[in-house]
Amino acid sequence: MANYNLTIFSWILFLVCMAFSRSSNAAYYNVVSSGARADGKTDSTQAFLKAWRLACNSIRPATIYVPLGTFLLKPVVFTGPCKSRIVFKLAGTLVAPSDYWSYGNSEYWILFIKVTRVSVFGGILDAKGAGYWACRRAGRSCPVGSRSISFLWSSNVVVSGLTSINSQTIHISLYHCNYVVLRNLKIRAPSSSPNTDGIHVQSSTGVTISSSTIITGDDCISIGEGSKNLWIERVACGPGHGISIGSLGAYANEGGVENVTVTSSFFSRTQNGVRIKSWARPSNGYVKNIAFRNIIMKNVDNPIIIDQKYCPSAKGCPNQSSGVKISQVTYNNIKGTSASQIAINFICSSSNPCKGIRLQDIKLSYNKNSTATASSCTNAGGISNGVVIPRSCLRII
């Protein structure tokens, strides 16, 4: 036993020494040393880029440190590949320009492109989107709007402990990324803010989203075409439009969405709970192997919904049928209250009916009065197990 304890102690000592060794060998860049000013007024964009270039060219693991204070940052692109790991450690707040026209037609405020082994820890992003939303609501000529923080063509990325408020459009977006962890996030925008999705994932593989709170004017999480192997857990969503796969089928040729799990999550006062949506037009897209489980709904308008007649502008899709094929979707242990009487609503394609839907242990009550909830099925096939309230309307197809 003594030798065993000594061995454990030796390993602990070894790991501690290695940690100190890594720490002492790491490169460290404070953005203030590169010229950034923490007054919220001075443009610090070039200082951040200088720190990035130093870190990116370092052969040692590097840390870029943003101290306490408020730093004004204009649209910026951090480009890789870099020579080693980089950690962005944010103690302060990054603010965007109040003049939304200063973005030009850039769709991005903070963009990482072609990076690998990059981590972002802590910090607050304030995109000051209110002026842009007012422009949109007034129907004036407005720029396209910018996402707050985005990763394109990147891999092995971690974003942890970040707070994002008042994005012009999407708060966090991933395009063509592999192996990304998003955790302990706080995302905030008013429920009236247009198209302010919390997190958007598209054409990406191996994404984990966990332990986060999202309040937005659009989807808390939206999953676009070509996304595979996503794990979403312990997310508190609402107000907002729920967690959505889609919209899909906007184009005739699209990648499919598969192997997505949403679990141990909570929805409050959202327009939708768990939703799959596709445009009512021809497409070779698909959705398969999806699991929604261990979910609580509180006053949700559409707790469980598939909508394959999605056509908000009534242009380019009326009287057409969705080509997106939906199969093997499981709903298990979903409970709570519905703000509408139709708590389960499957509106599937007439040309490509939904197949392999499974309902198990569902209990959704109508919160308005004692009227029982109901389910509605159009071109939807599958089975139910256990107690399912409202009663399943699925049929064998």
Protein backbone atom coordinates (compact mmCIF):
# COMPACT_ATOMS: atom_id res chain seq x y z
CA MET A 1 0.00 0.00 0.00
CA ALA A 2 2.88 2.35 0.87
CA ASN A 3 4.47 1.79 -2.55
CA TYR A 4 1.06 2.36 -4.18
CA ASN A 5 0.60 5.68 -2.33
CA LEU A 6 4.15 6.71 -3.21
CA THR A 7 3.45 5.97 -6.85
CA ILE A 8 0.32 8.12 -6.78
CA PHE A 9 2.23 10.94 -5.06
CA SER A 10 5.00 10.67 -7.64
CA TRP A 11 2.51 10.96 -10.49
CA ILE A 12 0.83 13.97 -8.86
CA LEU A 13 4.20 15.63 -8.34
CA PHE A 14 5.15 14.86 -11.93
CA LEU A 15 1.92 16.37 -13.28
CA VAL A 16 2.30 19.49 -11.12
CA CYS A 17 5.86 19.94 -12.32
CA MET A 18 4.75 19.47 -15.92
CA ALA A 19 2.03 22.07 -15.43
CA PHE A 20 4.54 24.58 -14.08
CA SER A 21 6.89 23.68 -16.90
CA ARG A 22 4.21 24.32 -19.53
CA SER A 23 3.25 27.55 -17.80
CA SER A 24 6.83 28.80 -17.75
CA ASN A 25 7.29 27.91 -21.41
CA ALA A 26 4.09 29.53 -22.59
CA ALA A 27 4.15 32.85 -24.45
CA TYR A 28 2.02 35.61 -22.92
CA TYR A 29 0.65 38.68 -24.67
CA ASN A 30 -1.37 41.37 -22.90
CA VAL A 31 -3.38 43.41 -25.41
CA VAL A 32 -2.66 46.56 -23.39
CA SER A 33 1.05 46.02 -24.04
CA SER A 34 0.17 45.98 -27.74
CA GLY A 35 -1.56 49.36 -27.48
CA ALA A 36 -5.16 48.55 -26.49
CA ARG A 37 -6.97 51.08 -24.29
CA ALA A 38 -9.55 49.95 -21.72
CA ASP A 39 -11.68 53.09 -21.98
CA GLY A 40 -14.43 51.78 -24.27
CA LYS A 41 -13.80 54.66 -26.70
CA THR A 42 -10.38 54.17 -28.27
CA ASP A 43 -10.29 51.78 -31.21
CA SER A 44 -8.24 48.77 -30.02
CA THR A 45 -8.64 46.66 -33.16
CA GLN A 46 -5.04 46.97 -34.37
CA ALA A 47 -3.70 46.22 -30.89
CA PHE A 48 -5.69 43.00 -30.76
CA LEU A 49 -4.43 42.06 -34.22
CA LYS A 50 -0.84 42.75 -33.15
CA ALA A 51 -1.24 40.46 -30.14
CA TRP A 52 -2.81 37.82 -32.38
CA ARG A 53 0.07 37.93 -34.89
CA LEU A 54 2.61 37.51 -32.09
CA ALA A 55 0.68 34.59 -30.58
CA CYS A 56 -0.01 32.97 -33.94
CA ASN A 57 3.67 33.01 -34.89
CA SER A 58 4.85 31.66 -31.54
CA ILE A 59 6.18 28.11 -31.58
CA ARG A 60 5.21 27.89 -27.90
CA PRO A 61 1.62 27.70 -26.64
CA ALA A 62 0.42 31.28 -26.29
CA THR A 63 -2.04 33.23 -24.14
CA ILE A 64 -3.62 36.49 -25.25
CA TYR A 65 -4.84 38.31 -22.16
CA VAL A 66 -7.60 40.94 -22.14
CA PRO A 67 -7.60 42.57 -18.69
CA LEU A 68 -10.48 44.20 -16.84
CA GLY A 69 -11.97 47.18 -18.59
CA THR A 70 -13.92 47.90 -21.76
CA PHE A 71 -12.27 47.66 -25.17
CA LEU A 72 -13.76 49.04 -28.39
CA LEU A 73 -13.31 46.57 -31.21
CA LYS A 74 -14.31 47.13 -34.84
CA PRO A 75 -14.92 44.16 -37.18
CA VAL A 76 -11.82 42.00 -36.91
CA VAL A 77 -10.55 38.76 -38.47
CA PHE A 78 -8.14 36.46 -36.63
CA THR A 79 -6.64 34.24 -39.33
CA GLY A 80 -4.81 30.94 -39.02
CA PRO A 81 -3.27 28.50 -39.22
CA CYS A 82 -1.02 29.23 -36.26
CA LYS A 83 2.10 27.46 -35.03
CA SER A 84 0.81 26.33 -31.62
CA ARG A 85 -2.14 26.43 -29.23
CA ILE A 86 -3.67 29.83 -28.41
CA VAL A 87 -5.79 30.77 -25.40
CA PHE A 88 -7.80 33.99 -25.44
CA LYS A 89 -8.33 34.82 -21.75
CA LEU A 90 -10.88 37.61 -21.33
CA ALA A 91 -11.34 39.37 -18.01
CA GLY A 92 -12.79 42.46 -19.66
CA THR A 93 -15.59 43.48 -22.01
CA LEU A 94 -15.37 43.87 -25.78
CA VAL A 95 -17.82 46.40 -27.24
CA ALA A 96 -18.76 46.98 -30.84
CA PRO A 97 -19.19 50.41 -32.45
CA SER A 98 -22.61 51.95 -31.80
CA ASP A 99 -22.81 53.07 -35.45
CA TYR A 100 -23.93 49.91 -37.24
CA TRP A 101 -23.00 51.45 -40.61
CA SER A 102 -19.34 51.34 -39.55
CA TYR A 103 -19.43 47.57 -40.15
CA GLY A 104 -20.06 48.12 -43.84
CA ASN A 105 -21.57 44.96 -45.25
CA SER A 106 -19.49 42.64 -43.10
CA GLU A 107 -21.52 39.75 -41.71
CA TYR A 108 -19.03 39.28 -38.87
CA TRP A 109 -17.89 41.32 -35.89
CA ILE A 110 -15.27 38.91 -34.45
CA LEU A 111 -14.22 36.19 -36.89
CA PHE A 112 -11.76 33.33 -36.46
CA ILE A 113 -10.93 31.61 -39.72
CA LYS A 114 -8.84 28.49 -40.37
CA VAL A 115 -7.69 28.18 -36.77
CA THR A 116 -7.05 25.05 -34.74
CA ARG A 117 -6.49 24.51 -31.01
CA VAL A 118 -7.91 27.91 -30.06
CA SER A 119 -9.73 28.46 -26.76
CA VAL A 120 -11.71 31.48 -25.58
CA PHE A 121 -12.29 31.74 -21.82
CA GLY A 122 -14.49 34.24 -20.02
CA GLY A 123 -15.29 37.79 -21.02
CA ILE A 124 -18.30 39.74 -22.24
CA LEU A 125 -19.17 40.63 -25.83
CA ASP A 126 -21.54 43.59 -26.20
CA ALA A 127 -22.49 44.07 -29.85
CA LYS A 128 -24.82 47.03 -29.11
CA GLY A 129 -27.40 45.73 -31.56
CA ALA A 130 -30.37 47.93 -30.51
CA GLY A 131 -29.78 50.58 -33.19
CA TYR A 132 -29.56 47.95 -35.91
CA TRP A 133 -32.76 46.24 -34.75
CA ALA A 134 -34.57 49.62 -34.81
CA CYS A 135 -33.42 50.10 -38.40
CA ARG A 136 -34.80 46.67 -39.31
CA ARG A 137 -38.11 47.22 -37.55
CA ALA A 138 -38.58 50.62 -39.22
CA GLY A 139 -38.17 49.02 -42.65
CA ARG A 140 -35.31 51.35 -43.56
CA SER A 141 -32.32 50.49 -45.73
CA CYS A 142 -29.98 48.66 -43.33
CA PRO A 143 -26.70 46.75 -43.68
CA VAL A 144 -26.82 42.95 -43.61
CA GLY A 145 -26.04 42.79 -39.89
CA SER A 146 -23.17 41.03 -38.16
CA ARG A 147 -22.75 37.90 -36.08
CA SER A 148 -20.93 38.56 -32.82
CA ILE A 149 -18.32 35.76 -32.79
CA SER A 150 -17.82 33.19 -35.53
CA PHE A 151 -15.52 30.34 -36.42
CA LEU A 152 -15.06 29.26 -40.04
CA TRP A 153 -13.10 26.26 -41.32
CA SER A 154 -11.71 25.66 -37.82
CA SER A 155 -11.17 22.67 -35.52
CA ASN A 156 -10.46 21.79 -31.90
CA VAL A 157 -12.06 24.96 -30.57
CA VAL A 158 -13.29 25.64 -27.02
CA VAL A 159 -15.44 28.59 -25.95
CA SER A 160 -16.16 28.59 -22.21
CA GLY A 161 -17.59 31.08 -19.75
CA LEU A 162 -18.37 33.70 -22.40
CA THR A 163 -21.28 36.14 -22.11
CA SER A 164 -22.71 37.56 -25.35
CA ILE A 165 -25.32 40.31 -25.28
CA ASN A 166 -27.30 42.20 -27.90
CA SER A 167 -25.83 40.75 -31.08
CA GLN A 168 -27.00 42.40 -34.29
CA THR A 169 -27.89 38.95 -35.65
CA ILE A 170 -26.50 35.56 -34.56
CA HIS A 171 -24.48 35.55 -31.33
CA ILE A 172 -22.19 32.56 -31.98
CA SER A 173 -21.85 30.81 -35.34
CA LEU A 174 -19.92 27.77 -36.53
CA TYR A 175 -19.42 27.01 -40.23
CA HIS A 176 -17.39 24.09 -41.56
CA CYS A 177 -15.91 23.35 -38.13
CA ASN A 178 -14.86 20.10 -36.48
CA TYR A 179 -14.65 19.21 -32.78
CA VAL A 180 -15.95 22.29 -31.02
CA VAL A 181 -16.97 22.63 -27.35
CA LEU A 182 -19.26 25.49 -26.29
CA ARG A 183 -19.97 25.47 -22.55
CA ASN A 184 -21.04 27.69 -19.66
CA LEU A 185 -22.31 30.40 -21.99
CA LYS A 186 -24.74 33.23 -21.24
CA ILE A 187 -26.48 34.67 -24.28
CA ARG A 188 -28.91 37.57 -24.00
CA ALA A 189 -31.01 39.63 -26.40
CA PRO A 190 -34.58 40.97 -26.06
CA SER A 191 -37.35 38.64 -27.22
CA SER A 192 -38.34 41.32 -29.75
CA SER A 193 -34.90 41.47 -31.39
CA PRO A 194 -35.04 40.09 -34.97
CA ASN A 195 -32.98 37.06 -36.05
CA THR A 196 -30.76 37.04 -32.97
CA ASP A 197 -30.16 33.28 -32.85
CA GLY A 198 -28.10 32.26 -29.84
CA ILE A 199 -25.92 29.62 -31.53
CA HIS A 200 -25.98 28.58 -35.18
CA VAL A 201 -24.19 25.43 -36.34
CA GLN A 202 -23.85 24.60 -40.04
CA SER A 203 -21.78 22.10 -42.02
CA SER A 204 -19.97 21.13 -38.83
CA THR A 205 -19.15 17.85 -37.08
CA GLY A 206 -18.49 16.89 -33.47
CA VAL A 207 -20.01 19.90 -31.69
CA THR A 208 -20.89 19.85 -27.97
CA ILE A 209 -23.03 22.60 -26.40
CA SER A 210 -23.60 22.37 -22.66
CA SER A 211 -24.49 24.15 -19.42
CA SER A 212 -25.67 27.37 -21.05
CA THR A 213 -28.48 29.90 -20.69
CA ILE A 214 -29.91 31.47 -23.84
CA ILE A 215 -32.48 34.26 -24.12
CA THR A 216 -33.02 35.59 -27.65
CA GLY A 217 -35.43 36.90 -30.23
CA ASP A 218 -35.01 33.84 -32.45
CA ASP A 219 -33.79 30.24 -32.07
CA CYS A 220 -31.78 29.52 -28.95
CA ILE A 221 -29.86 27.03 -31.07
CA SER A 222 -30.31 26.49 -34.81
CA ILE A 223 -28.78 23.58 -36.67
CA GLY A 224 -28.25 24.04 -40.40
CA GLU A 225 -27.57 21.68 -43.27
CA GLY A 226 -24.53 19.42 -43.26
CA SER A 227 -24.27 19.16 -39.46
CA LYS A 228 -23.47 15.81 -37.83
CA ASN A 229 -22.68 14.37 -34.41
CA LEU A 230 -24.00 17.15 -32.18
CA TRP A 231 -24.52 16.78 -28.43
CA ILE A 232 -26.60 19.42 -26.63
CA GLU A 233 -27.24 19.15 -22.89
CA ARG A 234 -28.21 21.25 -19.87
CA VAL A 235 -29.38 24.23 -21.92
CA ALA A 236 -31.93 26.67 -20.51
CA CYS A 237 -33.77 28.25 -23.43
CA GLY A 238 -36.27 31.07 -23.33
CA PRO A 239 -37.69 33.40 -24.23
CA GLY A 240 -36.86 32.58 -27.84
CA HIS A 241 -37.93 30.25 -30.64
CA GLY A 242 -36.59 27.02 -29.12
CA ILE A 243 -33.99 24.59 -30.47
CA SER A 244 -34.44 24.05 -34.20
CA ILE A 245 -33.04 21.72 -36.80
CA GLY A 246 -33.45 23.91 -39.85
CA SER A 247 -34.67 25.59 -41.67
CA LEU A 248 -33.58 23.03 -44.25
CA GLY A 249 -34.45 22.58 -47.89
CA ALA A 250 -33.82 26.16 -48.97
CA TYR A 251 -31.74 24.77 -51.85
CA ALA A 252 -32.13 21.75 -54.09
CA ASN A 253 -28.72 20.36 -53.11
CA GLU A 254 -27.99 20.32 -49.39
CA GLY A 255 -26.11 18.21 -46.90
CA GLY A 256 -28.13 16.25 -44.38
CA VAL A 257 -28.36 16.56 -40.59
CA GLU A 258 -27.78 13.41 -38.54
CA ASN A 259 -26.82 12.09 -35.12
CA VAL A 260 -28.08 14.98 -33.00
CA THR A 261 -28.99 14.62 -29.31
CA VAL A 262 -30.71 17.26 -27.18
CA THR A 263 -31.00 16.19 -23.54
CA SER A 264 -31.51 17.42 -19.97
CA SER A 265 -32.71 20.85 -21.09
CA PHE A 266 -35.37 23.36 -20.05
CA PHE A 267 -37.62 25.54 -22.21
CA SER A 268 -39.57 28.46 -20.76
CA ARG A 269 -42.04 30.68 -22.63
CA THR A 270 -40.57 29.84 -26.00
CA GLN A 271 -42.38 29.89 -29.33
CA ASN A 272 -41.27 26.31 -29.95
CA GLY A 273 -39.65 23.60 -27.91
CA VAL A 274 -37.83 21.07 -30.08
CA ARG A 275 -38.48 21.77 -33.75
CA ILE A 276 -37.52 20.37 -37.15
CA LYS A 277 -38.41 22.67 -40.03
CA SER A 278 -37.93 22.58 -43.78
CA TRP A 279 -39.03 24.71 -46.68
CA ALA A 280 -41.88 23.39 -48.81
CA ARG A 281 -39.78 23.01 -51.92
CA PRO A 282 -37.74 20.28 -53.65
CA SER A 283 -34.47 19.26 -51.95
CA ASN A 284 -32.20 16.25 -51.52
CA GLY A 285 -31.64 17.08 -47.83
CA TYR A 286 -32.41 14.75 -44.95
CA VAL A 287 -32.72 14.52 -41.16
CA LYS A 288 -32.06 11.21 -39.39
CA ASN A 289 -31.03 9.71 -36.06
CA ILE A 290 -32.24 12.53 -33.84
CA ALA A 291 -32.93 12.19 -30.09
CA PHE A 292 -34.83 14.68 -27.92
CA ARG A 293 -34.96 13.40 -24.34
CA ASN A 294 -35.23 14.37 -20.67
CA ILE A 295 -36.72 17.78 -21.42
CA ILE A 296 -38.98 20.07 -19.37
CA MET A 297 -41.35 22.51 -21.08
CA LYS A 298 -42.92 25.48 -19.29
CA ASN A 299 -45.59 27.44 -21.13
CA VAL A 300 -44.20 26.59 -24.59
CA ASP A 301 -46.36 27.35 -27.64
CA ASN A 302 -45.31 24.31 -29.70
CA PRO A 303 -43.46 21.88 -27.43
CA ILE A 304 -42.92 19.18 -30.09
CA ILE A 305 -43.16 20.18 -33.73
CA ILE A 306 -42.09 19.14 -37.20
CA ASP A 307 -42.98 21.73 -39.83
CA GLN A 308 -42.26 20.80 -43.43
CA LYS A 309 -44.40 23.61 -44.80
CA TYR A 310 -42.14 26.35 -43.49
CA CYS A 311 -42.66 29.33 -45.79
CA PRO A 312 -42.73 32.55 -43.76
CA SER A 313 -42.76 34.93 -46.74
CA ALA A 314 -45.14 32.80 -48.83
CA LYS A 315 -42.72 33.15 -51.75
CA GLY A 316 -40.94 30.41 -53.67
CA CYS A 317 -42.73 27.51 -52.02
CA PRO A 318 -46.56 27.77 -52.03
CA ASN A 319 -48.30 24.59 -53.16
CA GLN A 320 -45.03 22.67 -53.19
CA SER A 321 -43.89 19.72 -51.11
CA SER A 322 -40.67 19.45 -49.10
CA GLY A 323 -38.04 17.10 -50.47
CA VAL A 324 -36.28 16.81 -47.08
CA LYS A 325 -36.54 13.22 -45.79
CA ILE A 326 -37.06 12.93 -42.02
CA SER A 327 -36.55 9.59 -40.27
CA GLN A 328 -35.61 7.97 -36.96
CA VAL A 329 -36.54 10.81 -34.63
CA THR A 330 -37.07 9.90 -30.96
CA TYR A 331 -38.88 11.95 -28.29
CA ASN A 332 -38.39 10.47 -24.81
CA ASN A 333 -39.31 11.73 -21.32
CA ILE A 334 -40.59 15.17 -22.30
CA LYS A 335 -42.86 16.76 -19.71
CA GLY A 336 -44.39 20.10 -18.77
CA THR A 337 -46.95 22.60 -20.02
CA SER A 338 -48.04 23.71 -23.46
CA ALA A 339 -49.31 27.23 -24.18
CA SER A 340 -51.42 25.82 -27.04
CA GLN A 341 -53.81 22.91 -27.13
CA ILE A 342 -51.84 21.15 -29.88
CA ALA A 343 -48.80 20.02 -27.92
CA ILE A 344 -47.49 17.56 -30.53
CA ASN A 345 -47.69 18.71 -34.13
CA PHE A 346 -46.17 16.75 -37.01
CA ILE A 347 -46.68 18.48 -40.38
CA CYS A 348 -44.68 16.25 -42.70
CA SER A 349 -44.17 16.26 -46.45
CA SER A 350 -46.79 14.65 -48.67
CA SER A 351 -44.10 13.46 -51.09
CA ASN A 352 -41.65 12.37 -48.35
CA PRO A 353 -43.61 11.39 -45.22
CA CYS A 354 -41.78 11.30 -41.88
CA LYS A 355 -40.79 7.76 -40.94
CA GLY A 356 -39.60 6.06 -37.80
CA ILE A 357 -40.82 8.66 -35.31
CA ARG A 358 -40.94 7.32 -31.74
CA LEU A 359 -42.80 8.87 -28.81
CA GLN A 360 -42.05 7.51 -25.34
CA ASP A 361 -43.06 8.79 -21.90
CA ILE A 362 -44.50 12.14 -22.93
CA LYS A 363 -46.67 14.18 -20.58
CA LEU A 364 -47.65 17.65 -21.78
CA SER A 365 -50.63 19.46 -20.27
CA TYR A 366 -52.45 22.58 -21.50
CA ASN A 367 -51.71 25.43 -19.14
CA LYS A 368 -54.78 27.58 -19.97
CA ASN A 369 -57.46 25.45 -18.35
CA SER A 370 -58.43 21.86 -17.77
CA THR A 371 -58.86 21.20 -21.51
CA ALA A 372 -56.76 18.23 -22.56
CA THR A 373 -53.88 18.71 -24.97
CA ALA A 374 -54.08 17.13 -28.41
CA SER A 375 -51.73 15.87 -31.09
CA SER A 376 -51.92 16.45 -34.83
CA CYS A 377 -50.27 14.34 -37.51
CA THR A 378 -50.01 14.87 -41.26
CA ASN A 379 -48.00 12.30 -43.24
CA ALA A 380 -46.25 11.15 -40.06
CA GLY A 381 -45.41 7.54 -39.33
CA GLY A 382 -44.02 5.85 -36.23
CA ILE A 383 -44.85 4.25 -32.90
CA SER A 384 -45.40 5.21 -29.26
CA ASN A 385 -44.43 3.52 -26.00
CA GLY A 386 -45.28 4.07 -22.36
CA VAL A 387 -47.56 6.90 -21.29
CA VAL A 388 -47.99 9.47 -24.05
CA ILE A 389 -50.08 12.56 -23.28
CA PRO A 390 -51.52 13.86 -25.54
CA ARG A 391 -52.42 10.60 -27.19
CA SER A 392 -50.23 9.73 -30.16
CA CYS A 393 -51.64 10.22 -33.65
CA LEU A 394 -48.75 8.46 -35.40
CA ARG A 395 -49.54 5.71 -37.86
CA ILE A 396 -47.54 2.98 -39.52
CA ILE A 397 -46.17 4.10 -42.88
